[in-house]
Amino acid sequence: MKKTEEIRIRDPFILAHDGYYYLYGTIGEPKARELYVHKSRDLENWEEPSVIYTLSDDSWAEGQLWAPEVHEYRGRFYLFLSIKEKNGLRGTEISMATTPGG
């Protein structure tokens, strides 16, 4: 378990769902290819993070994941994620899962 003050992320986003809080954010590494989520019942004590997204090697993008948000719509969870393209510009990728933890 981690305390809130021990978690270092940028662009935090919290989703409340079924008695849990899910904390999404980026770690600021220029070539980051994975996105993590922390889970808590009280916004103070957090389970160890788990990977919910991995940028594939053959992706259109090179990395630098930024500003993730997850929204529920019709029983599914949609991850909106800004990613740096190989040409230097940014694009947005939308992924879908059946749980907020990916």
PDB file of N, CA and C in Angstrom:
ATOM      1  N   MET A   1       0.831  -1.187   0.000  1.00  0.00           N
ATOM      2  CA  MET A   1       0.000   0.000   0.000  1.00  0.00           C
ATOM      3  C   MET A   1       0.875   1.252   0.000  1.00  0.00           C
ATOM      4  N   LYS A   2       0.401   2.268  -0.667  1.00  0.00           N
ATOM      5  CA  LYS A   2       1.073   3.566  -0.698  1.00  0.00           C
ATOM      6  C   LYS A   2       0.120   4.621  -0.176  1.00  0.00           C
ATOM      7  N   LYS A   3       0.678   5.615   0.465  1.00  0.00           N
ATOM      8  CA  LYS A   3      -0.086   6.784   0.887  1.00  0.00           C
ATOM      9  C   LYS A   3      -0.129   7.772  -0.285  1.00  0.00           C
ATOM     10  N   THR A   4      -1.134   8.613  -0.308  1.00  0.00           N
ATOM     11  CA  THR A   4      -1.291   9.587  -1.384  1.00  0.00           C
ATOM     12  C   THR A   4      -0.028  10.403  -1.605  1.00  0.00           C
ATOM     13  N   GLU A   5       0.603  10.859  -0.515  1.00  0.00           N
ATOM     14  CA  GLU A   5       1.790  11.707  -0.648  1.00  0.00           C
ATOM     15  C   GLU A   5       3.003  10.969  -1.212  1.00  0.00           C
ATOM     16  N   GLU A   6       2.950   9.647  -1.313  1.00  0.00           N
ATOM     17  CA  GLU A   6       4.055   8.860  -1.870  1.00  0.00           C
ATOM     18  C   GLU A   6       3.929   8.649  -3.375  1.00  0.00           C
ATOM     19  N   ILE A   7       2.798   9.001  -3.930  1.00  0.00           N
ATOM     20  CA  ILE A   7       2.566   8.783  -5.358  1.00  0.00           C
ATOM     21  C   ILE A   7       2.996  10.020  -6.127  1.00  0.00           C
ATOM     22  N   ARG A   8       3.879   9.823  -7.096  1.00  0.00           N
ATOM     23  CA  ARG A   8       4.392  10.921  -7.923  1.00  0.00           C
ATOM     24  C   ARG A   8       3.932  10.726  -9.367  1.00  0.00           C
ATOM     25  N   ILE A   9       2.937  11.509  -9.752  1.00  0.00           N
ATOM     26  CA  ILE A   9       2.445  11.457 -11.128  1.00  0.00           C
ATOM     27  C   ILE A   9       2.102  12.860 -11.596  1.00  0.00           C
ATOM     28  N   ARG A  10       1.967  12.978 -12.900  1.00  0.00           N
ATOM     29  CA  ARG A  10       1.525  14.234 -13.517  1.00  0.00           C
ATOM     30  C   ARG A  10       0.142  14.007 -14.115  1.00  0.00           C
ATOM     31  N   ASP A  11      -0.552  15.078 -14.317  1.00  0.00           N
ATOM     32  CA  ASP A  11      -1.873  15.035 -14.965  1.00  0.00           C
ATOM     33  C   ASP A  11      -2.801  14.014 -14.305  1.00  0.00           C
ATOM     34  N   PRO A  12      -2.980  14.061 -12.978  1.00  0.00           N
ATOM     35  CA  PRO A  12      -3.826  13.050 -12.329  1.00  0.00           C
ATOM     36  C   PRO A  12      -5.289  13.160 -12.738  1.00  0.00           C
ATOM     37  N   PHE A  13      -5.912  12.008 -12.832  1.00  0.00           N
ATOM     38  CA  PHE A  13      -7.341  11.921 -13.114  1.00  0.00           C
ATOM     39  C   PHE A  13      -7.912  10.823 -12.227  1.00  0.00           C
ATOM     40  N   ILE A  14      -9.009  11.104 -11.522  1.00  0.00           N
ATOM     41  CA  ILE A  14      -9.614  10.122 -10.621  1.00  0.00           C
ATOM     42  C   ILE A  14     -11.021   9.785 -11.106  1.00  0.00           C
ATOM     43  N   LEU A  15     -11.287   8.496 -11.192  1.00  0.00           N
ATOM     44  CA  LEU A  15     -12.602   7.976 -11.537  1.00  0.00           C
ATOM     45  C   LEU A  15     -13.150   7.249 -10.315  1.00  0.00           C
ATOM     46  N   ALA A  16     -14.361   7.576  -9.890  1.00  0.00           N
ATOM     47  CA  ALA A  16     -15.031   6.859  -8.800  1.00  0.00           C
ATOM     48  C   ALA A  16     -15.961   5.824  -9.416  1.00  0.00           C
ATOM     49  N   HIS A  17     -15.845   4.562  -8.936  1.00  0.00           N
ATOM     50  CA  HIS A  17     -16.685   3.498  -9.484  1.00  0.00           C
ATOM     51  C   HIS A  17     -16.816   2.358  -8.480  1.00  0.00           C
ATOM     52  N   ASP A  18     -18.048   1.987  -8.157  1.00  0.00           N
ATOM     53  CA  ASP A  18     -18.348   0.846  -7.276  1.00  0.00           C
ATOM     54  C   ASP A  18     -17.554   0.833  -5.976  1.00  0.00           C
ATOM     55  N   GLY A  19     -17.476   1.980  -5.312  1.00  0.00           N
ATOM     56  CA  GLY A  19     -16.818   2.047  -4.013  1.00  0.00           C
ATOM     57  C   GLY A  19     -15.309   2.173  -4.055  1.00  0.00           C
ATOM     58  N   TYR A  20     -14.750   2.304  -5.225  1.00  0.00           N
ATOM     59  CA  TYR A  20     -13.305   2.480  -5.377  1.00  0.00           C
ATOM     60  C   TYR A  20     -13.021   3.779  -6.126  1.00  0.00           C
ATOM     61  N   TYR A  21     -11.820   4.277  -5.915  1.00  0.00           N
ATOM     62  CA  TYR A  21     -11.291   5.400  -6.679  1.00  0.00           C
ATOM     63  C   TYR A  21     -10.132   4.869  -7.507  1.00  0.00           C
ATOM     64  N   TYR A  22     -10.088   5.255  -8.764  1.00  0.00           N
ATOM     65  CA  TYR A  22      -9.023   4.849  -9.675  1.00  0.00           C
ATOM     66  C   TYR A  22      -8.252   6.102 -10.063  1.00  0.00           C
ATOM     67  N   LEU A  23      -6.960   6.086  -9.805  1.00  0.00           N
ATOM     68  CA  LEU A  23      -6.095   7.237 -10.069  1.00  0.00           C
ATOM     69  C   LEU A  23      -5.216   6.938 -11.274  1.00  0.00           C
ATOM     70  N   TYR A  24      -5.403   7.717 -12.311  1.00  0.00           N
ATOM     71  CA  TYR A  24      -4.619   7.582 -13.546  1.00  0.00           C
ATOM     72  C   TYR A  24      -3.708   8.797 -13.653  1.00  0.00           C
ATOM     73  N   GLY A  25      -2.540   8.614 -14.219  1.00  0.00           N
ATOM     74  CA  GLY A  25      -1.629   9.736 -14.410  1.00  0.00           C
ATOM     75  C   GLY A  25      -0.380   9.289 -15.131  1.00  0.00           C
ATOM     76  N   THR A  26       0.452  10.238 -15.473  1.00  0.00           N
ATOM     77  CA  THR A  26       1.693   9.920 -16.172  1.00  0.00           C
ATOM     78  C   THR A  26       2.878  10.221 -15.265  1.00  0.00           C
ATOM     79  N   ILE A  27       4.009   9.583 -15.579  1.00  0.00           N
ATOM     80  CA  ILE A  27       5.197   9.756 -14.745  1.00  0.00           C
ATOM     81  C   ILE A  27       6.185  10.740 -15.333  1.00  0.00           C
ATOM     82  N   GLY A  28       5.920  11.248 -16.516  1.00  0.00           N
ATOM     83  CA  GLY A  28       6.739  12.305 -17.085  1.00  0.00           C
ATOM     84  C   GLY A  28       7.991  11.864 -17.820  1.00  0.00           C
ATOM     85  N   GLU A  29       8.186  10.559 -17.998  1.00  0.00           N
ATOM     86  CA  GLU A  29       9.362  10.103 -18.738  1.00  0.00           C
ATOM     87  C   GLU A  29       9.127  10.312 -20.232  1.00  0.00           C
ATOM     88  N   PRO A  30      10.106  10.885 -20.933  1.00  0.00           N
ATOM     89  CA  PRO A  30       9.907  11.214 -22.350  1.00  0.00           C
ATOM     90  C   PRO A  30       9.527  10.029 -23.235  1.00  0.00           C
ATOM     91  N   LYS A  31      10.025   8.862 -22.959  1.00  0.00           N
ATOM     92  CA  LYS A  31       9.732   7.702 -23.807  1.00  0.00           C
ATOM     93  C   LYS A  31       8.847   6.677 -23.097  1.00  0.00           C
ATOM     94  N   ALA A  32       8.065   7.108 -22.128  1.00  0.00           N
ATOM     95  CA  ALA A  32       7.188   6.194 -21.392  1.00  0.00           C
ATOM     96  C   ALA A  32       6.244   5.482 -22.358  1.00  0.00           C
ATOM     97  N   ARG A  33       6.092   4.169 -22.188  1.00  0.00           N
ATOM     98  CA  ARG A  33       5.256   3.363 -23.067  1.00  0.00           C
ATOM     99  C   ARG A  33       4.164   2.623 -22.299  1.00  0.00           C
ATOM    100  N   GLU A  34       4.104   2.832 -20.972  1.00  0.00           N
ATOM    101  CA  GLU A  34       3.088   2.169 -20.156  1.00  0.00           C
ATOM    102  C   GLU A  34       2.352   3.190 -19.303  1.00  0.00           C
ATOM    103  N   LEU A  35       1.083   2.897 -19.066  1.00  0.00           N
ATOM    104  CA  LEU A  35       0.255   3.735 -18.212  1.00  0.00           C
ATOM    105  C   LEU A  35      -0.243   2.878 -17.055  1.00  0.00           C
ATOM    106  N   TYR A  36      -0.195   3.449 -15.869  1.00  0.00           N
ATOM    107  CA  TYR A  36      -0.571   2.725 -14.659  1.00  0.00           C
ATOM    108  C   TYR A  36      -1.819   3.321 -14.026  1.00  0.00           C
ATOM    109  N   VAL A  37      -2.485   2.494 -13.209  1.00  0.00           N
ATOM    110  CA  VAL A  37      -3.612   2.965 -12.411  1.00  0.00           C
ATOM    111  C   VAL A  37      -3.396   2.519 -10.967  1.00  0.00           C
ATOM    112  N   HIS A  38      -3.711   3.408 -10.030  1.00  0.00           N
ATOM    113  CA  HIS A  38      -3.717   3.103  -8.606  1.00  0.00           C
ATOM    114  C   HIS A  38      -5.172   2.979  -8.179  1.00  0.00           C
ATOM    115  N   LYS A  39      -5.468   2.132  -7.192  1.00  0.00           N
ATOM    116  CA  LYS A  39      -6.836   1.884  -6.746  1.00  0.00           C
ATOM    117  C   LYS A  39      -6.927   2.084  -5.237  1.00  0.00           C
ATOM    118  N   SER A  40      -8.006   2.742  -4.785  1.00  0.00           N
ATOM    119  CA  SER A  40      -8.164   3.049  -3.361  1.00  0.00           C
ATOM    120  C   SER A  40      -9.643   3.053  -2.975  1.00  0.00           C
ATOM    121  N   ARG A  41      -9.907   2.808  -1.695  1.00  0.00           N
ATOM    122  CA  ARG A  41     -11.274   2.947  -1.179  1.00  0.00           C
ATOM    123  C   ARG A  41     -11.470   4.282  -0.478  1.00  0.00           C
ATOM    124  N   ASP A  42     -10.365   4.950  -0.093  1.00  0.00           N
ATOM    125  CA  ASP A  42     -10.487   6.146   0.751  1.00  0.00           C
ATOM    126  C   ASP A  42      -9.683   7.360   0.268  1.00  0.00           C
ATOM    127  N   LEU A  43      -9.078   7.302  -0.889  1.00  0.00           N
ATOM    128  CA  LEU A  43      -8.256   8.389  -1.450  1.00  0.00           C
ATOM    129  C   LEU A  43      -6.992   8.667  -0.630  1.00  0.00           C
ATOM    130  N   GLU A  44      -6.676   7.815   0.320  1.00  0.00           N
ATOM    131  CA  GLU A  44      -5.474   7.989   1.134  1.00  0.00           C
ATOM    132  C   GLU A  44      -4.540   6.789   1.030  1.00  0.00           C
ATOM    133  N   ASN A  45      -5.074   5.596   1.024  1.00  0.00           N
ATOM    134  CA  ASN A  45      -4.301   4.359   0.954  1.00  0.00           C
ATOM    135  C   ASN A  45      -4.545   3.709  -0.401  1.00  0.00           C
ATOM    136  N   TRP A  46      -3.476   3.496  -1.149  1.00  0.00           N
ATOM    137  CA  TRP A  46      -3.573   3.032  -2.530  1.00  0.00           C
ATOM    138  C   TRP A  46      -2.882   1.693  -2.713  1.00  0.00           C
ATOM    139  N   GLU A  47      -3.527   0.806  -3.464  1.00  0.00           N
ATOM    140  CA  GLU A  47      -2.896  -0.463  -3.819  1.00  0.00           C
ATOM    141  C   GLU A  47      -1.726  -0.183  -4.759  1.00  0.00           C
ATOM    142  N   GLU A  48      -0.819  -1.146  -4.866  1.00  0.00           N
ATOM    143  CA  GLU A  48       0.285  -0.995  -5.809  1.00  0.00           C
ATOM    144  C   GLU A  48      -0.291  -0.819  -7.214  1.00  0.00           C
ATOM    145  N   PRO A  49       0.320   0.028  -8.029  1.00  0.00           N
ATOM    146  CA  PRO A  49      -0.239   0.294  -9.361  1.00  0.00           C
ATOM    147  C   PRO A  49      -0.145  -0.918 -10.285  1.00  0.00           C
ATOM    148  N   SER A  50      -1.060  -0.950 -11.235  1.00  0.00           N
ATOM    149  CA  SER A  50      -1.015  -1.985 -12.260  1.00  0.00           C
ATOM    150  C   SER A  50      -1.028  -1.315 -13.632  1.00  0.00           C
ATOM    151  N   VAL A  51      -0.451  -1.991 -14.594  1.00  0.00           N
ATOM    152  CA  VAL A  51      -0.398  -1.470 -15.968  1.00  0.00           C
ATOM    153  C   VAL A  51      -1.767  -1.646 -16.613  1.00  0.00           C
ATOM    154  N   ILE A  52      -2.290  -0.570 -17.198  1.00  0.00           N
ATOM    155  CA  ILE A  52      -3.570  -0.670 -17.906  1.00  0.00           C
ATOM    156  C   ILE A  52      -3.425  -0.418 -19.406  1.00  0.00           C
ATOM    157  N   TYR A  53      -2.266   0.067 -19.803  1.00  0.00           N
ATOM    158  CA  TYR A  53      -2.062   0.363 -21.222  1.00  0.00           C
ATOM    159  C   TYR A  53      -0.579   0.244 -21.525  1.00  0.00           C
ATOM    160  N   THR A  54      -0.268  -0.408 -22.636  1.00  0.00           N
ATOM    161  CA  THR A  54       1.109  -0.497 -23.115  1.00  0.00           C
ATOM    162  C   THR A  54       1.121  -0.138 -24.589  1.00  0.00           C
ATOM    163  N   LEU A  55       1.945   0.810 -24.953  1.00  0.00           N
ATOM    164  CA  LEU A  55       2.094   1.212 -26.350  1.00  0.00           C
ATOM    165  C   LEU A  55       2.881   0.127 -27.075  1.00  0.00           C
ATOM    166  N   SER A  56       2.300  -0.445 -28.110  1.00  0.00           N
ATOM    167  CA  SER A  56       2.960  -1.538 -28.829  1.00  0.00           C
ATOM    168  C   SER A  56       4.149  -1.029 -29.643  1.00  0.00           C
ATOM    169  N   ASP A  57       5.068  -1.915 -29.938  1.00  0.00           N
ATOM    170  CA  ASP A  57       6.272  -1.555 -30.695  1.00  0.00           C
ATOM    171  C   ASP A  57       5.946  -1.107 -32.116  1.00  0.00           C
ATOM    172  N   ASP A  58       4.845  -1.596 -32.680  1.00  0.00           N
ATOM    173  CA  ASP A  58       4.490  -1.230 -34.051  1.00  0.00           C
ATOM    174  C   ASP A  58       3.428  -0.124 -34.106  1.00  0.00           C
ATOM    175  N   SER A  59       3.311   0.629 -33.033  1.00  0.00           N
ATOM    176  CA  SER A  59       2.322   1.701 -32.943  1.00  0.00           C
ATOM    177  C   SER A  59       2.661   2.864 -33.878  1.00  0.00           C
ATOM    178  N   TRP A  60       1.661   3.669 -34.154  1.00  0.00           N
ATOM    179  CA  TRP A  60       1.834   4.903 -34.911  1.00  0.00           C
ATOM    180  C   TRP A  60       2.582   5.950 -34.097  1.00  0.00           C
ATOM    181  N   ALA A  61       2.708   5.718 -32.784  1.00  0.00           N
ATOM    182  CA  ALA A  61       3.290   6.702 -31.872  1.00  0.00           C
ATOM    183  C   ALA A  61       4.615   6.201 -31.309  1.00  0.00           C
ATOM    184  N   GLU A  62       5.392   7.146 -30.752  1.00  0.00           N
ATOM    185  CA  GLU A  62       6.672   6.754 -30.174  1.00  0.00           C
ATOM    186  C   GLU A  62       6.670   6.747 -28.656  1.00  0.00           C
ATOM    187  N   GLY A  63       5.657   7.327 -28.051  1.00  0.00           N
ATOM    188  CA  GLY A  63       5.606   7.333 -26.591  1.00  0.00           C
ATOM    189  C   GLY A  63       5.215   8.683 -26.065  1.00  0.00           C
ATOM    190  N   GLN A  64       5.738   9.014 -24.882  1.00  0.00           N
ATOM    191  CA  GLN A  64       5.406  10.245 -24.165  1.00  0.00           C
ATOM    192  C   GLN A  64       3.891  10.322 -23.963  1.00  0.00           C
ATOM    193  N   LEU A  65       3.395   9.368 -23.166  1.00  0.00           N
ATOM    194  CA  LEU A  65       1.975   9.326 -22.820  1.00  0.00           C
ATOM    195  C   LEU A  65       1.648  10.528 -21.949  1.00  0.00           C
ATOM    196  N   TRP A  66       0.455  11.100 -22.142  1.00  0.00           N
ATOM    197  CA  TRP A  66       0.162  12.363 -21.489  1.00  0.00           C
ATOM    198  C   TRP A  66      -1.333  12.498 -21.230  1.00  0.00           C
ATOM    199  N   ALA A  67      -1.687  13.014 -20.062  1.00  0.00           N
ATOM    200  CA  ALA A  67      -3.040  13.429 -19.684  1.00  0.00           C
ATOM    201  C   ALA A  67      -4.116  12.359 -19.893  1.00  0.00           C
ATOM    202  N   PRO A  68      -3.976  11.197 -19.267  1.00  0.00           N
ATOM    203  CA  PRO A  68      -4.999  10.165 -19.433  1.00  0.00           C
ATOM    204  C   PRO A  68      -6.290  10.514 -18.698  1.00  0.00           C
ATOM    205  N   GLU A  69      -7.395  10.125 -19.284  1.00  0.00           N
ATOM    206  CA  GLU A  69      -8.704  10.222 -18.635  1.00  0.00           C
ATOM    207  C   GLU A  69      -9.470   8.955 -18.965  1.00  0.00           C
ATOM    208  N   VAL A  70     -10.278   8.476 -18.009  1.00  0.00           N
ATOM    209  CA  VAL A  70     -11.124   7.302 -18.223  1.00  0.00           C
ATOM    210  C   VAL A  70     -12.556   7.696 -17.897  1.00  0.00           C
ATOM    211  N   HIS A  71     -13.457   7.392 -18.815  1.00  0.00           N
ATOM    212  CA  HIS A  71     -14.871   7.714 -18.638  1.00  0.00           C
ATOM    213  C   HIS A  71     -15.708   6.474 -18.902  1.00  0.00           C
ATOM    214  N   GLU A  72     -16.739   6.284 -18.082  1.00  0.00           N
ATOM    215  CA  GLU A  72     -17.653   5.160 -18.272  1.00  0.00           C
ATOM    216  C   GLU A  72     -18.791   5.594 -19.197  1.00  0.00           C
ATOM    217  N   TYR A  73     -19.138   4.714 -20.123  1.00  0.00           N
ATOM    218  CA  TYR A  73     -20.247   4.972 -21.032  1.00  0.00           C
ATOM    219  C   TYR A  73     -20.877   3.632 -21.398  1.00  0.00           C
ATOM    220  N   ARG A  74     -22.128   3.482 -21.030  1.00  0.00           N
ATOM    221  CA  ARG A  74     -22.893   2.276 -21.340  1.00  0.00           C
ATOM    222  C   ARG A  74     -22.182   0.992 -20.879  1.00  0.00           C
ATOM    223  N   GLY A  75     -21.659   1.031 -19.665  1.00  0.00           N
ATOM    224  CA  GLY A  75     -21.063  -0.163 -19.066  1.00  0.00           C
ATOM    225  C   GLY A  75     -19.654  -0.488 -19.522  1.00  0.00           C
ATOM    226  N   ARG A  76     -19.055   0.379 -20.290  1.00  0.00           N
ATOM    227  CA  ARG A  76     -17.666   0.185 -20.731  1.00  0.00           C
ATOM    228  C   ARG A  76     -16.856   1.406 -20.315  1.00  0.00           C
ATOM    229  N   PHE A  77     -15.549   1.222 -20.254  1.00  0.00           N
ATOM    230  CA  PHE A  77     -14.659   2.279 -19.798  1.00  0.00           C
ATOM    231  C   PHE A  77     -13.723   2.662 -20.936  1.00  0.00           C
ATOM    232  N   TYR A  78     -13.690   3.970 -21.212  1.00  0.00           N
ATOM    233  CA  TYR A  78     -12.917   4.472 -22.346  1.00  0.00           C
ATOM    234  C   TYR A  78     -11.755   5.310 -21.838  1.00  0.00           C
ATOM    235  N   LEU A  79     -10.564   4.928 -22.261  1.00  0.00           N
ATOM    236  CA  LEU A  79      -9.331   5.645 -21.929  1.00  0.00           C
ATOM    237  C   LEU A  79      -9.010   6.598 -23.072  1.00  0.00           C
ATOM    238  N   PHE A  80      -8.916   7.881 -22.753  1.00  0.00           N
ATOM    239  CA  PHE A  80      -8.484   8.898 -23.713  1.00  0.00           C
ATOM    240  C   PHE A  80      -7.065   9.272 -23.333  1.00  0.00           C
ATOM    241  N   LEU A  81      -6.152   9.172 -24.268  1.00  0.00           N
ATOM    242  CA  LEU A  81      -4.736   9.340 -23.967  1.00  0.00           C
ATOM    243  C   LEU A  81      -4.040  10.102 -25.087  1.00  0.00           C
ATOM    244  N   SER A  82      -3.350  11.161 -24.724  1.00  0.00           N
ATOM    245  CA  SER A  82      -2.557  11.918 -25.688  1.00  0.00           C
ATOM    246  C   SER A  82      -1.182  11.250 -25.787  1.00  0.00           C
ATOM    247  N   ILE A  83      -0.709  11.081 -27.023  1.00  0.00           N
ATOM    248  CA  ILE A  83       0.557  10.388 -27.259  1.00  0.00           C
ATOM    249  C   ILE A  83       1.340  11.135 -28.332  1.00  0.00           C
ATOM    250  N   LYS A  84       2.640  11.197 -28.142  1.00  0.00           N
ATOM    251  CA  LYS A  84       3.495  11.845 -29.143  1.00  0.00           C
ATOM    252  C   LYS A  84       3.679  10.913 -30.338  1.00  0.00           C
ATOM    253  N   GLU A  85       3.392  11.451 -31.518  1.00  0.00           N
ATOM    254  CA  GLU A  85       3.545  10.681 -32.745  1.00  0.00           C
ATOM    255  C   GLU A  85       5.006  10.622 -33.164  1.00  0.00           C
ATOM    256  N   LYS A  86       5.319   9.722 -34.075  1.00  0.00           N
ATOM    257  CA  LYS A  86       6.695   9.584 -34.569  1.00  0.00           C
ATOM    258  C   LYS A  86       7.137  10.815 -35.346  1.00  0.00           C
ATOM    259  N   ASN A  87       6.181  11.600 -35.869  1.00  0.00           N
ATOM    260  CA  ASN A  87       6.531  12.820 -36.608  1.00  0.00           C
ATOM    261  C   ASN A  87       6.677  14.034 -35.680  1.00  0.00           C
ATOM    262  N   GLY A  88       6.557  13.806 -34.353  1.00  0.00           N
ATOM    263  CA  GLY A  88       6.734  14.885 -33.388  1.00  0.00           C
ATOM    264  C   GLY A  88       5.450  15.568 -32.945  1.00  0.00           C
ATOM    265  N   LEU A  89       4.371  15.350 -33.682  1.00  0.00           N
ATOM    266  CA  LEU A  89       3.084  15.926 -33.303  1.00  0.00           C
ATOM    267  C   LEU A  89       2.413  15.030 -32.259  1.00  0.00           C
ATOM    268  N   ARG A  90       1.290  15.471 -31.723  1.00  0.00           N
ATOM    269  CA  ARG A  90       0.541  14.674 -30.752  1.00  0.00           C
ATOM    270  C   ARG A  90      -0.762  14.198 -31.370  1.00  0.00           C
ATOM    271  N   GLY A  91      -1.173  13.026 -30.926  1.00  0.00           N
ATOM    272  CA  GLY A  91      -2.453  12.478 -31.336  1.00  0.00           C
ATOM    273  C   GLY A  91      -3.159  11.930 -30.117  1.00  0.00           C
ATOM    274  N   THR A  92      -4.409  11.574 -30.275  1.00  0.00           N
ATOM    275  CA  THR A  92      -5.165  10.999 -29.181  1.00  0.00           C
ATOM    276  C   THR A  92      -5.575   9.583 -29.556  1.00  0.00           C
ATOM    277  N   GLU A  93      -5.391   8.682 -28.609  1.00  0.00           N
ATOM    278  CA  GLU A  93      -5.822   7.303 -28.802  1.00  0.00           C
ATOM    279  C   GLU A  93      -6.933   7.029 -27.799  1.00  0.00           C
ATOM    280  N   ILE A  94      -7.941   6.306 -28.231  1.00  0.00           N
ATOM    281  CA  ILE A  94      -9.050   5.928 -27.352  1.00  0.00           C
ATOM    282  C   ILE A  94      -9.067   4.415 -27.297  1.00  0.00           C
ATOM    283  N   SER A  95      -9.004   3.875 -26.071  1.00  0.00           N
ATOM    284  CA  SER A  95      -9.054   2.441 -25.853  1.00  0.00           C
ATOM    285  C   SER A  95     -10.260   2.115 -24.997  1.00  0.00           C
ATOM    286  N   MET A  96     -10.774   0.887 -25.113  1.00  0.00           N
ATOM    287  CA  MET A  96     -11.968   0.499 -24.379  1.00  0.00           C
ATOM    288  C   MET A  96     -11.674  -0.751 -23.559  1.00  0.00           C
ATOM    289  N   ALA A  97     -12.275  -0.819 -22.355  1.00  0.00           N
ATOM    290  CA  ALA A  97     -12.161  -1.988 -21.489  1.00  0.00           C
ATOM    291  C   ALA A  97     -13.495  -2.206 -20.779  1.00  0.00           C
ATOM    292  N   THR A  98     -13.659  -3.370 -20.192  1.00  0.00           N
ATOM    293  CA  THR A  98     -14.897  -3.667 -19.470  1.00  0.00           C
ATOM    294  C   THR A  98     -14.784  -3.372 -17.986  1.00  0.00           C
ATOM    295  N   THR A  99     -13.587  -3.004 -17.523  1.00  0.00           N
ATOM    296  CA  THR A  99     -13.390  -2.602 -16.123  1.00  0.00           C
ATOM    297  C   THR A  99     -12.547  -1.337 -16.089  1.00  0.00           C
ATOM    298  N   PRO A 100     -12.632  -0.540 -15.011  1.00  0.00           N
ATOM    299  CA  PRO A 100     -11.820   0.673 -14.945  1.00  0.00           C
ATOM    300  C   PRO A 100     -10.333   0.384 -14.728  1.00  0.00           C
ATOM    301  N   GLY A 101     -10.007  -0.843 -14.396  1.00  0.00           N
ATOM    302  CA  GLY A 101      -8.605  -1.233 -14.241  1.00  0.00           C
ATOM    303  C   GLY A 101      -8.017  -1.825 -15.485  1.00  0.00           C
ATOM    304  N   GLY A 102      -8.704  -1.691 -16.604  1.00  0.00           N
ATOM    305  CA  GLY A 102      -8.175  -2.148 -17.869  1.00  0.00           C
ATOM    306  C   GLY A 102      -8.574  -3.550 -18.193  1.00  0.00           C
TER     307      GLY A 102
END
